[in-house]
Amino acid sequence: MSFNNPLISVIVPAYNAEEYLEEALQSISKQNYEPLEIIVIDDGSTDKTASIAKGFSDKINYIYQENSGPAAARNTGIKIAQG
């Protein structure tokens, strides 16, 4: 990492987001900026959110937590973000 290209962390809180998650992760993954860190916080989803996120495992950091709400999911992402 350098001052010219600092690491950017994109935090994606997700709860039962199967309808939109794949498109969102594809869009983020296509960005030209580097270095880019993508963090998906699954906030206790009961749909296919986990399997969709894990399909991007080579590009994202996937974290599962018990359902605690969107603010808690964002805070979890902030705690582990490096950018």
N, C-alpha and C. Protein backbone atom coordinates (compact mmCIF):
# COMPACT_ATOMS: atom_id res chain seq x y z
N MET A 1 0.85 -1.18 0.00
CA MET A 1 0.00 0.00 0.00
C MET A 1 0.88 1.23 0.00
N SER A 2 0.47 2.24 -0.72
CA SER A 2 1.21 3.48 -0.74
C SER A 2 0.24 4.63 -0.50
N PHE A 3 0.81 5.82 -0.32
CA PHE A 3 -0.05 6.98 -0.12
C PHE A 3 -0.79 7.34 -1.40
N ASN A 4 -0.22 6.97 -2.55
CA ASN A 4 -0.88 7.26 -3.82
C ASN A 4 -2.07 6.34 -4.05
N ASN A 5 -2.00 5.11 -3.57
CA ASN A 5 -3.08 4.14 -3.73
C ASN A 5 -3.38 3.47 -2.40
N PRO A 6 -4.07 4.17 -1.49
CA PRO A 6 -4.38 3.55 -0.21
C PRO A 6 -5.40 2.42 -0.38
N LEU A 7 -5.35 1.45 0.53
CA LEU A 7 -6.32 0.36 0.53
C LEU A 7 -7.71 0.91 0.81
N ILE A 8 -8.66 0.55 -0.03
CA ILE A 8 -10.05 0.93 0.16
C ILE A 8 -10.82 -0.31 0.60
N SER A 9 -11.57 -0.18 1.69
CA SER A 9 -12.40 -1.27 2.19
C SER A 9 -13.86 -0.98 1.85
N VAL A 10 -14.51 -1.95 1.21
CA VAL A 10 -15.94 -1.86 0.90
C VAL A 10 -16.65 -2.84 1.81
N ILE A 11 -17.48 -2.33 2.69
CA ILE A 11 -18.21 -3.17 3.65
C ILE A 11 -19.64 -3.34 3.14
N VAL A 12 -20.06 -4.60 3.00
CA VAL A 12 -21.39 -4.92 2.48
C VAL A 12 -22.17 -5.65 3.56
N PRO A 13 -23.01 -4.94 4.34
CA PRO A 13 -23.88 -5.64 5.28
C PRO A 13 -24.98 -6.34 4.49
N ALA A 14 -25.26 -7.58 4.82
CA ALA A 14 -26.25 -8.33 4.05
C ALA A 14 -27.16 -9.14 4.97
N TYR A 15 -28.45 -9.00 4.77
CA TYR A 15 -29.43 -9.82 5.47
C TYR A 15 -30.47 -10.26 4.45
N ASN A 16 -30.52 -11.56 4.22
CA ASN A 16 -31.44 -12.12 3.22
C ASN A 16 -31.37 -11.32 1.91
N ALA A 17 -30.14 -11.20 1.41
CA ALA A 17 -29.86 -10.34 0.25
C ALA A 17 -29.65 -11.12 -1.04
N GLU A 18 -30.16 -12.35 -1.11
CA GLU A 18 -29.89 -13.18 -2.29
C GLU A 18 -30.34 -12.52 -3.59
N GLU A 19 -31.36 -11.71 -3.54
CA GLU A 19 -31.88 -11.09 -4.76
C GLU A 19 -30.91 -10.06 -5.36
N TYR A 20 -30.08 -9.43 -4.53
CA TYR A 20 -29.22 -8.34 -5.00
C TYR A 20 -27.73 -8.57 -4.79
N LEU A 21 -27.36 -9.50 -3.94
CA LEU A 21 -25.96 -9.63 -3.53
C LEU A 21 -25.02 -9.97 -4.68
N GLU A 22 -25.38 -10.92 -5.52
CA GLU A 22 -24.49 -11.31 -6.61
C GLU A 22 -24.18 -10.13 -7.53
N GLU A 23 -25.21 -9.40 -7.91
CA GLU A 23 -25.01 -8.24 -8.78
C GLU A 23 -24.14 -7.19 -8.10
N ALA A 24 -24.38 -6.96 -6.82
CA ALA A 24 -23.58 -5.97 -6.08
C ALA A 24 -22.11 -6.38 -6.01
N LEU A 25 -21.85 -7.66 -5.70
CA LEU A 25 -20.46 -8.12 -5.60
C LEU A 25 -19.77 -8.13 -6.95
N GLN A 26 -20.50 -8.46 -8.01
CA GLN A 26 -19.92 -8.40 -9.36
C GLN A 26 -19.53 -6.97 -9.70
N SER A 27 -20.39 -6.04 -9.38
CA SER A 27 -20.12 -4.63 -9.66
C SER A 27 -18.89 -4.14 -8.89
N ILE A 28 -18.83 -4.46 -7.61
CA ILE A 28 -17.68 -4.04 -6.80
C ILE A 28 -16.41 -4.69 -7.31
N SER A 29 -16.48 -5.97 -7.66
CA SER A 29 -15.31 -6.72 -8.12
C SER A 29 -14.75 -6.18 -9.44
N LYS A 30 -15.58 -5.55 -10.23
CA LYS A 30 -15.15 -5.04 -11.54
C LYS A 30 -14.46 -3.68 -11.46
N GLN A 31 -14.40 -3.11 -10.28
CA GLN A 31 -13.76 -1.80 -10.15
C GLN A 31 -12.29 -1.90 -10.51
N ASN A 32 -11.76 -0.88 -11.15
CA ASN A 32 -10.37 -0.87 -11.58
C ASN A 32 -9.41 -0.46 -10.47
N TYR A 33 -9.92 0.13 -9.40
CA TYR A 33 -9.05 0.61 -8.34
C TYR A 33 -8.42 -0.55 -7.59
N GLU A 34 -7.15 -0.42 -7.29
CA GLU A 34 -6.44 -1.38 -6.43
C GLU A 34 -5.55 -0.60 -5.50
N PRO A 35 -5.38 -1.05 -4.30
CA PRO A 35 -5.90 -2.27 -3.68
C PRO A 35 -7.31 -2.05 -3.12
N LEU A 36 -8.13 -3.09 -3.24
CA LEU A 36 -9.53 -3.04 -2.83
C LEU A 36 -9.83 -4.26 -1.97
N GLU A 37 -10.42 -4.01 -0.82
CA GLU A 37 -10.81 -5.08 0.11
C GLU A 37 -12.34 -5.09 0.18
N ILE A 38 -12.95 -6.26 -0.08
CA ILE A 38 -14.40 -6.38 -0.04
C ILE A 38 -14.77 -7.28 1.14
N ILE A 39 -15.60 -6.76 2.03
CA ILE A 39 -16.01 -7.50 3.23
C ILE A 39 -17.53 -7.62 3.22
N VAL A 40 -18.02 -8.85 3.24
CA VAL A 40 -19.46 -9.10 3.34
C VAL A 40 -19.76 -9.58 4.76
N ILE A 41 -20.62 -8.85 5.44
CA ILE A 41 -21.07 -9.25 6.77
C ILE A 41 -22.48 -9.79 6.63
N ASP A 42 -22.62 -11.10 6.76
CA ASP A 42 -23.93 -11.76 6.68
C ASP A 42 -24.54 -11.70 8.07
N ASP A 43 -25.61 -10.93 8.21
CA ASP A 43 -26.23 -10.68 9.51
C ASP A 43 -27.35 -11.67 9.79
N GLY A 44 -27.00 -12.96 9.76
CA GLY A 44 -27.96 -13.99 10.13
C GLY A 44 -28.96 -14.35 9.05
N SER A 45 -28.56 -14.27 7.80
CA SER A 45 -29.47 -14.57 6.69
C SER A 45 -29.97 -16.00 6.73
N THR A 46 -31.21 -16.18 6.23
CA THR A 46 -31.80 -17.52 6.16
C THR A 46 -32.05 -17.93 4.71
N ASP A 47 -31.60 -17.12 3.77
CA ASP A 47 -31.76 -17.44 2.35
C ASP A 47 -30.41 -17.89 1.78
N LYS A 48 -30.16 -17.65 0.51
CA LYS A 48 -28.93 -18.11 -0.14
C LYS A 48 -27.80 -17.08 -0.09
N THR A 49 -27.90 -16.10 0.78
CA THR A 49 -26.87 -15.07 0.89
C THR A 49 -25.49 -15.68 1.10
N ALA A 50 -25.37 -16.63 2.01
CA ALA A 50 -24.07 -17.23 2.31
C ALA A 50 -23.46 -17.92 1.10
N SER A 51 -24.24 -18.72 0.39
CA SER A 51 -23.68 -19.43 -0.76
C SER A 51 -23.29 -18.48 -1.88
N ILE A 52 -24.04 -17.42 -2.06
CA ILE A 52 -23.68 -16.43 -3.08
C ILE A 52 -22.37 -15.74 -2.70
N ALA A 53 -22.27 -15.31 -1.47
CA ALA A 53 -21.04 -14.63 -1.02
C ALA A 53 -19.85 -15.57 -1.10
N LYS A 54 -20.03 -16.81 -0.70
CA LYS A 54 -18.91 -17.77 -0.73
C LYS A 54 -18.47 -18.08 -2.15
N GLY A 55 -19.33 -17.85 -3.12
CA GLY A 55 -18.96 -18.01 -4.52
C GLY A 55 -17.93 -16.98 -4.98
N PHE A 56 -17.77 -15.93 -4.21
CA PHE A 56 -16.79 -14.89 -4.49
C PHE A 56 -15.61 -14.99 -3.53
N SER A 57 -15.41 -16.14 -2.92
CA SER A 57 -14.43 -16.28 -1.83
C SER A 57 -13.02 -15.89 -2.21
N ASP A 58 -12.68 -15.96 -3.49
CA ASP A 58 -11.33 -15.56 -3.90
C ASP A 58 -11.18 -14.04 -3.91
N LYS A 59 -12.29 -13.31 -3.83
CA LYS A 59 -12.24 -11.85 -3.91
C LYS A 59 -12.73 -11.14 -2.66
N ILE A 60 -13.43 -11.85 -1.79
CA ILE A 60 -14.03 -11.18 -0.63
C ILE A 60 -13.66 -11.87 0.67
N ASN A 61 -13.91 -11.14 1.74
CA ASN A 61 -13.80 -11.68 3.09
C ASN A 61 -15.24 -11.81 3.58
N TYR A 62 -15.70 -13.05 3.82
CA TYR A 62 -17.08 -13.32 4.23
C TYR A 62 -17.11 -13.60 5.73
N ILE A 63 -17.97 -12.88 6.44
CA ILE A 63 -18.14 -13.06 7.88
C ILE A 63 -19.62 -13.29 8.16
N TYR A 64 -19.92 -14.33 8.95
CA TYR A 64 -21.29 -14.59 9.38
C TYR A 64 -21.42 -14.18 10.84
N GLN A 65 -22.51 -13.52 11.17
CA GLN A 65 -22.81 -13.23 12.57
C GLN A 65 -24.30 -13.44 12.80
N GLU A 66 -24.67 -13.70 14.04
CA GLU A 66 -26.08 -13.80 14.38
C GLU A 66 -26.75 -12.47 14.09
N ASN A 67 -28.03 -12.51 13.74
CA ASN A 67 -28.75 -11.30 13.38
C ASN A 67 -28.71 -10.28 14.51
N SER A 68 -28.12 -9.13 14.21
CA SER A 68 -27.99 -8.05 15.20
C SER A 68 -28.39 -6.71 14.62
N GLY A 69 -28.79 -6.67 13.36
CA GLY A 69 -29.20 -5.42 12.74
C GLY A 69 -28.11 -4.81 11.87
N PRO A 70 -28.51 -3.90 10.99
CA PRO A 70 -27.56 -3.33 10.03
C PRO A 70 -26.43 -2.53 10.66
N ALA A 71 -26.71 -1.81 11.73
CA ALA A 71 -25.64 -1.03 12.38
C ALA A 71 -24.57 -1.95 12.95
N ALA A 72 -24.98 -3.04 13.57
CA ALA A 72 -24.02 -4.00 14.13
C ALA A 72 -23.21 -4.65 13.02
N ALA A 73 -23.85 -4.95 11.89
CA ALA A 73 -23.13 -5.54 10.76
C ALA A 73 -22.09 -4.57 10.23
N ARG A 74 -22.45 -3.31 10.09
CA ARG A 74 -21.48 -2.30 9.64
C ARG A 74 -20.33 -2.18 10.63
N ASN A 75 -20.65 -2.16 11.91
CA ASN A 75 -19.60 -2.05 12.93
C ASN A 75 -18.66 -3.24 12.90
N THR A 76 -19.19 -4.43 12.68
CA THR A 76 -18.33 -5.62 12.55
C THR A 76 -17.39 -5.44 11.36
N GLY A 77 -17.92 -4.97 10.25
CA GLY A 77 -17.08 -4.73 9.08
C GLY A 77 -15.99 -3.71 9.35
N ILE A 78 -16.34 -2.65 10.04
CA ILE A 78 -15.36 -1.61 10.36
C ILE A 78 -14.25 -2.17 11.24
N LYS A 79 -14.61 -3.04 12.17
CA LYS A 79 -13.60 -3.61 13.08
C LYS A 79 -12.55 -4.44 12.34
N ILE A 80 -12.96 -5.13 11.28
CA ILE A 80 -12.00 -5.99 10.58
C ILE A 80 -11.39 -5.34 9.34
N ALA A 81 -11.96 -4.22 8.91
CA ALA A 81 -11.44 -3.54 7.72
C ALA A 81 -10.01 -3.05 7.96
N GLN A 82 -9.21 -3.15 6.93
CA GLN A 82 -7.83 -2.70 7.02
C GLN A 82 -7.59 -1.42 6.24
N GLY A 83 -8.57 -0.99 5.49
CA GLY A 83 -8.40 0.23 4.69
C GLY A 83 -9.07 1.41 5.31
